[in-house]
Amino acid sequence: MPTSSKYGKLYTALMINKLAELVPINSILDVGVGEGTYFNILSPYFENIK
């Protein structure tokens, strides 16, 4: 699957960003078929993310 629906991605990014305010996030595990969409969306907002 080369791309996926954009539905819910902004909401998910906002919720993860809120979570990051409470606890440090050091890694993102994006499991599934695709191109690492969530890593690509979230990595600009976290320093030193793997």
PDB file of N, CA and C in Angstrom:
ATOM      1  N   MET A   1       0.844  -1.166   0.000  1.00  0.00           N
ATOM      2  CA  MET A   1       0.000   0.000   0.000  1.00  0.00           C
ATOM      3  C   MET A   1       0.897   1.239   0.000  1.00  0.00           C
ATOM      4  N   PRO A   2       0.942   1.978  -1.073  1.00  0.00           N
ATOM      5  CA  PRO A   2       1.859   3.106  -1.175  1.00  0.00           C
ATOM      6  C   PRO A   2       1.490   4.290  -0.279  1.00  0.00           C
ATOM      7  N   THR A   3       0.224   4.513  -0.044  1.00  0.00           N
ATOM      8  CA  THR A   3      -0.201   5.603   0.838  1.00  0.00           C
ATOM      9  C   THR A   3      -1.439   5.151   1.597  1.00  0.00           C
ATOM     10  N   SER A   4      -1.777   5.889   2.622  1.00  0.00           N
ATOM     11  CA  SER A   4      -2.972   5.559   3.386  1.00  0.00           C
ATOM     12  C   SER A   4      -3.798   6.814   3.589  1.00  0.00           C
ATOM     13  N   SER A   5      -4.971   6.625   4.128  1.00  0.00           N
ATOM     14  CA  SER A   5      -5.888   7.733   4.366  1.00  0.00           C
ATOM     15  C   SER A   5      -5.296   8.729   5.354  1.00  0.00           C
ATOM     16  N   LYS A   6      -5.592   9.995   5.162  1.00  0.00           N
ATOM     17  CA  LYS A   6      -5.117  11.031   6.073  1.00  0.00           C
ATOM     18  C   LYS A   6      -6.016  11.146   7.310  1.00  0.00           C
ATOM     19  N   TYR A   7      -7.149  10.468   7.276  1.00  0.00           N
ATOM     20  CA  TYR A   7      -8.120  10.540   8.357  1.00  0.00           C
ATOM     21  C   TYR A   7      -7.501  10.101   9.689  1.00  0.00           C
ATOM     22  N   GLY A   8      -7.587  10.935  10.685  1.00  0.00           N
ATOM     23  CA  GLY A   8      -7.120  10.601  12.016  1.00  0.00           C
ATOM     24  C   GLY A   8      -5.656  10.890  12.297  1.00  0.00           C
ATOM     25  N   LYS A   9      -4.874  11.151  11.285  1.00  0.00           N
ATOM     26  CA  LYS A   9      -3.435  11.351  11.494  1.00  0.00           C
ATOM     27  C   LYS A   9      -3.134  12.632  12.276  1.00  0.00           C
ATOM     28  N   LEU A  10      -3.811  13.718  11.972  1.00  0.00           N
ATOM     29  CA  LEU A  10      -3.586  14.967  12.703  1.00  0.00           C
ATOM     30  C   LEU A  10      -3.995  14.792  14.159  1.00  0.00           C
ATOM     31  N   TYR A  11      -5.142  14.174  14.384  1.00  0.00           N
ATOM     32  CA  TYR A  11      -5.609  13.939  15.753  1.00  0.00           C
ATOM     33  C   TYR A  11      -4.610  13.076  16.521  1.00  0.00           C
ATOM     34  N   THR A  12      -4.123  12.020  15.887  1.00  0.00           N
ATOM     35  CA  THR A  12      -3.140  11.141  16.526  1.00  0.00           C
ATOM     36  C   THR A  12      -1.868  11.916  16.859  1.00  0.00           C
ATOM     37  N   ALA A  13      -1.401  12.736  15.942  1.00  0.00           N
ATOM     38  CA  ALA A  13      -0.194  13.534  16.181  1.00  0.00           C
ATOM     39  C   ALA A  13      -0.403  14.489  17.354  1.00  0.00           C
ATOM     40  N   LEU A  14      -1.576  15.107  17.437  1.00  0.00           N
ATOM     41  CA  LEU A  14      -1.858  16.018  18.541  1.00  0.00           C
ATOM     42  C   LEU A  14      -1.880  15.280  19.875  1.00  0.00           C
ATOM     43  N   MET A  15      -2.477  14.088  19.909  1.00  0.00           N
ATOM     44  CA  MET A  15      -2.552  13.308  21.145  1.00  0.00           C
ATOM     45  C   MET A  15      -1.163  12.834  21.587  1.00  0.00           C
ATOM     46  N   ILE A  16      -0.340  12.428  20.657  1.00  0.00           N
ATOM     47  CA  ILE A  16       1.021  11.996  21.002  1.00  0.00           C
ATOM     48  C   ILE A  16       1.842  13.187  21.490  1.00  0.00           C
ATOM     49  N   ASN A  17       1.629  14.333  20.895  1.00  0.00           N
ATOM     50  CA  ASN A  17       2.320  15.544  21.338  1.00  0.00           C
ATOM     51  C   ASN A  17       1.906  15.893  22.767  1.00  0.00           C
ATOM     52  N   LYS A  18       0.620  15.765  23.090  1.00  0.00           N
ATOM     53  CA  LYS A  18       0.148  16.005  24.460  1.00  0.00           C
ATOM     54  C   LYS A  18       0.758  15.001  25.426  1.00  0.00           C
ATOM     55  N   LEU A  19       0.829  13.744  25.018  1.00  0.00           N
ATOM     56  CA  LEU A  19       1.440  12.710  25.846  1.00  0.00           C
ATOM     57  C   LEU A  19       2.910  13.039  26.112  1.00  0.00           C
ATOM     58  N   ALA A  20       3.580  13.550  25.096  1.00  0.00           N
ATOM     59  CA  ALA A  20       5.006  13.889  25.224  1.00  0.00           C
ATOM     60  C   ALA A  20       5.236  15.015  26.233  1.00  0.00           C
ATOM     61  N   GLU A  21       4.216  15.815  26.487  1.00  0.00           N
ATOM     62  CA  GLU A  21       4.334  16.856  27.510  1.00  0.00           C
ATOM     63  C   GLU A  21       4.372  16.239  28.909  1.00  0.00           C
ATOM     64  N   LEU A  22       3.806  15.041  29.044  1.00  0.00           N
ATOM     65  CA  LEU A  22       3.734  14.369  30.347  1.00  0.00           C
ATOM     66  C   LEU A  22       4.895  13.411  30.590  1.00  0.00           C
ATOM     67  N   VAL A  23       5.301  12.702  29.557  1.00  0.00           N
ATOM     68  CA  VAL A  23       6.387  11.721  29.672  1.00  0.00           C
ATOM     69  C   VAL A  23       7.304  11.857  28.461  1.00  0.00           C
ATOM     70  N   PRO A  24       8.604  11.629  28.632  1.00  0.00           N
ATOM     71  CA  PRO A  24       9.511  11.741  27.484  1.00  0.00           C
ATOM     72  C   PRO A  24       9.267  10.623  26.465  1.00  0.00           C
ATOM     73  N   ILE A  25       9.318  10.963  25.210  1.00  0.00           N
ATOM     74  CA  ILE A  25       9.197   9.987  24.123  1.00  0.00           C
ATOM     75  C   ILE A  25      10.551   9.935  23.428  1.00  0.00           C
ATOM     76  N   ASN A  26      11.171   8.749  23.430  1.00  0.00           N
ATOM     77  CA  ASN A  26      12.503   8.596  22.848  1.00  0.00           C
ATOM     78  C   ASN A  26      12.508   7.813  21.553  1.00  0.00           C
ATOM     79  N   SER A  27      11.414   7.152  21.234  1.00  0.00           N
ATOM     80  CA  SER A  27      11.374   6.377  19.997  1.00  0.00           C
ATOM     81  C   SER A  27       9.941   6.254  19.510  1.00  0.00           C
ATOM     82  N   ILE A  28       9.823   5.991  18.226  1.00  0.00           N
ATOM     83  CA  ILE A  28       8.532   5.761  17.591  1.00  0.00           C
ATOM     84  C   ILE A  28       8.633   4.436  16.864  1.00  0.00           C
ATOM     85  N   LEU A  29       7.711   3.530  17.137  1.00  0.00           N
ATOM     86  CA  LEU A  29       7.671   2.250  16.444  1.00  0.00           C
ATOM     87  C   LEU A  29       6.457   2.252  15.539  1.00  0.00           C
ATOM     88  N   ASP A  30       6.688   2.403  14.265  1.00  0.00           N
ATOM     89  CA  ASP A  30       5.629   2.439  13.254  1.00  0.00           C
ATOM     90  C   ASP A  30       5.629   1.081  12.568  1.00  0.00           C
ATOM     91  N   VAL A  31       4.735   0.200  12.997  1.00  0.00           N
ATOM     92  CA  VAL A  31       4.700  -1.168  12.490  1.00  0.00           C
ATOM     93  C   VAL A  31       3.587  -1.285  11.459  1.00  0.00           C
ATOM     94  N   GLY A  32       3.921  -1.839  10.342  1.00  0.00           N
ATOM     95  CA  GLY A  32       2.904  -2.089   9.328  1.00  0.00           C
ATOM     96  C   GLY A  32       3.450  -1.860   7.939  1.00  0.00           C
ATOM     97  N   VAL A  33       2.614  -2.196   7.004  1.00  0.00           N
ATOM     98  CA  VAL A  33       2.966  -2.003   5.600  1.00  0.00           C
ATOM     99  C   VAL A  33       2.819  -0.522   5.279  1.00  0.00           C
ATOM    100  N   GLY A  34       3.796   0.039   4.661  1.00  0.00           N
ATOM    101  CA  GLY A  34       3.711   1.456   4.300  1.00  0.00           C
ATOM    102  C   GLY A  34       5.075   2.092   4.240  1.00  0.00           C
ATOM    103  N   GLU A  35       5.056   3.395   4.395  1.00  0.00           N
ATOM    104  CA  GLU A  35       6.285   4.162   4.200  1.00  0.00           C
ATOM    105  C   GLU A  35       6.710   4.923   5.450  1.00  0.00           C
ATOM    106  N   GLY A  36       6.275   4.487   6.632  1.00  0.00           N
ATOM    107  CA  GLY A  36       6.662   5.160   7.873  1.00  0.00           C
ATOM    108  C   GLY A  36       5.942   6.473   8.080  1.00  0.00           C
ATOM    109  N   THR A  37       4.674   6.507   7.766  1.00  0.00           N
ATOM    110  CA  THR A  37       3.896   7.735   7.819  1.00  0.00           C
ATOM    111  C   THR A  37       3.936   8.402   9.183  1.00  0.00           C
ATOM    112  N   TYR A  38       3.695   7.633  10.251  1.00  0.00           N
ATOM    113  CA  TYR A  38       3.667   8.249  11.579  1.00  0.00           C
ATOM    114  C   TYR A  38       5.044   8.724  12.010  1.00  0.00           C
ATOM    115  N   PHE A  39       6.074   7.998  11.677  1.00  0.00           N
ATOM    116  CA  PHE A  39       7.429   8.476  11.964  1.00  0.00           C
ATOM    117  C   PHE A  39       7.668   9.792  11.232  1.00  0.00           C
ATOM    118  N   ASN A  40       7.285   9.861   9.977  1.00  0.00           N
ATOM    119  CA  ASN A  40       7.487  11.078   9.189  1.00  0.00           C
ATOM    120  C   ASN A  40       6.684  12.259   9.742  1.00  0.00           C
ATOM    121  N   ILE A  41       5.486  11.988  10.241  1.00  0.00           N
ATOM    122  CA  ILE A  41       4.650  13.050  10.798  1.00  0.00           C
ATOM    123  C   ILE A  41       5.203  13.542  12.133  1.00  0.00           C
ATOM    124  N   LEU A  42       5.636  12.611  12.976  1.00  0.00           N
ATOM    125  CA  LEU A  42       5.992  12.949  14.352  1.00  0.00           C
ATOM    126  C   LEU A  42       7.448  13.326  14.574  1.00  0.00           C
ATOM    127  N   SER A  43       8.364  12.798  13.799  1.00  0.00           N
ATOM    128  CA  SER A  43       9.784  13.014  14.062  1.00  0.00           C
ATOM    129  C   SER A  43      10.221  14.477  14.071  1.00  0.00           C
ATOM    130  N   PRO A  44       9.629  15.383  13.298  1.00  0.00           N
ATOM    131  CA  PRO A  44      10.054  16.781  13.390  1.00  0.00           C
ATOM    132  C   PRO A  44       9.786  17.425  14.744  1.00  0.00           C
ATOM    133  N   TYR A  45       8.882  16.843  15.533  1.00  0.00           N
ATOM    134  CA  TYR A  45       8.502  17.440  16.803  1.00  0.00           C
ATOM    135  C   TYR A  45       9.288  16.920  18.003  1.00  0.00           C
ATOM    136  N   PHE A  46      10.116  15.904  17.785  1.00  0.00           N
ATOM    137  CA  PHE A  46      10.861  15.308  18.883  1.00  0.00           C
ATOM    138  C   PHE A  46      12.349  15.296  18.552  1.00  0.00           C
ATOM    139  N   GLU A  47      13.153  15.796  19.493  1.00  0.00           N
ATOM    140  CA  GLU A  47      14.604  15.793  19.298  1.00  0.00           C
ATOM    141  C   GLU A  47      15.158  14.391  19.486  1.00  0.00           C
ATOM    142  N   ASN A  48      16.134  14.046  18.706  1.00  0.00           N
ATOM    143  CA  ASN A  48      16.852  12.762  18.832  1.00  0.00           C
ATOM    144  C   ASN A  48      15.955  11.542  18.734  1.00  0.00           C
ATOM    145  N   ILE A  49      14.921  11.612  17.958  1.00  0.00           N
ATOM    146  CA  ILE A  49      14.014  10.472  17.811  1.00  0.00           C
ATOM    147  C   ILE A  49      14.617   9.452  16.848  1.00  0.00           C
ATOM    148  N   LYS A  50      14.381   8.171  17.118  1.00  0.00           N
ATOM    149  CA  LYS A  50      14.897   7.111  16.254  1.00  0.00           C
ATOM    150  C   LYS A  50      13.759   6.466  15.521  1.00  0.00           C
TER     151      LYS A  50
END
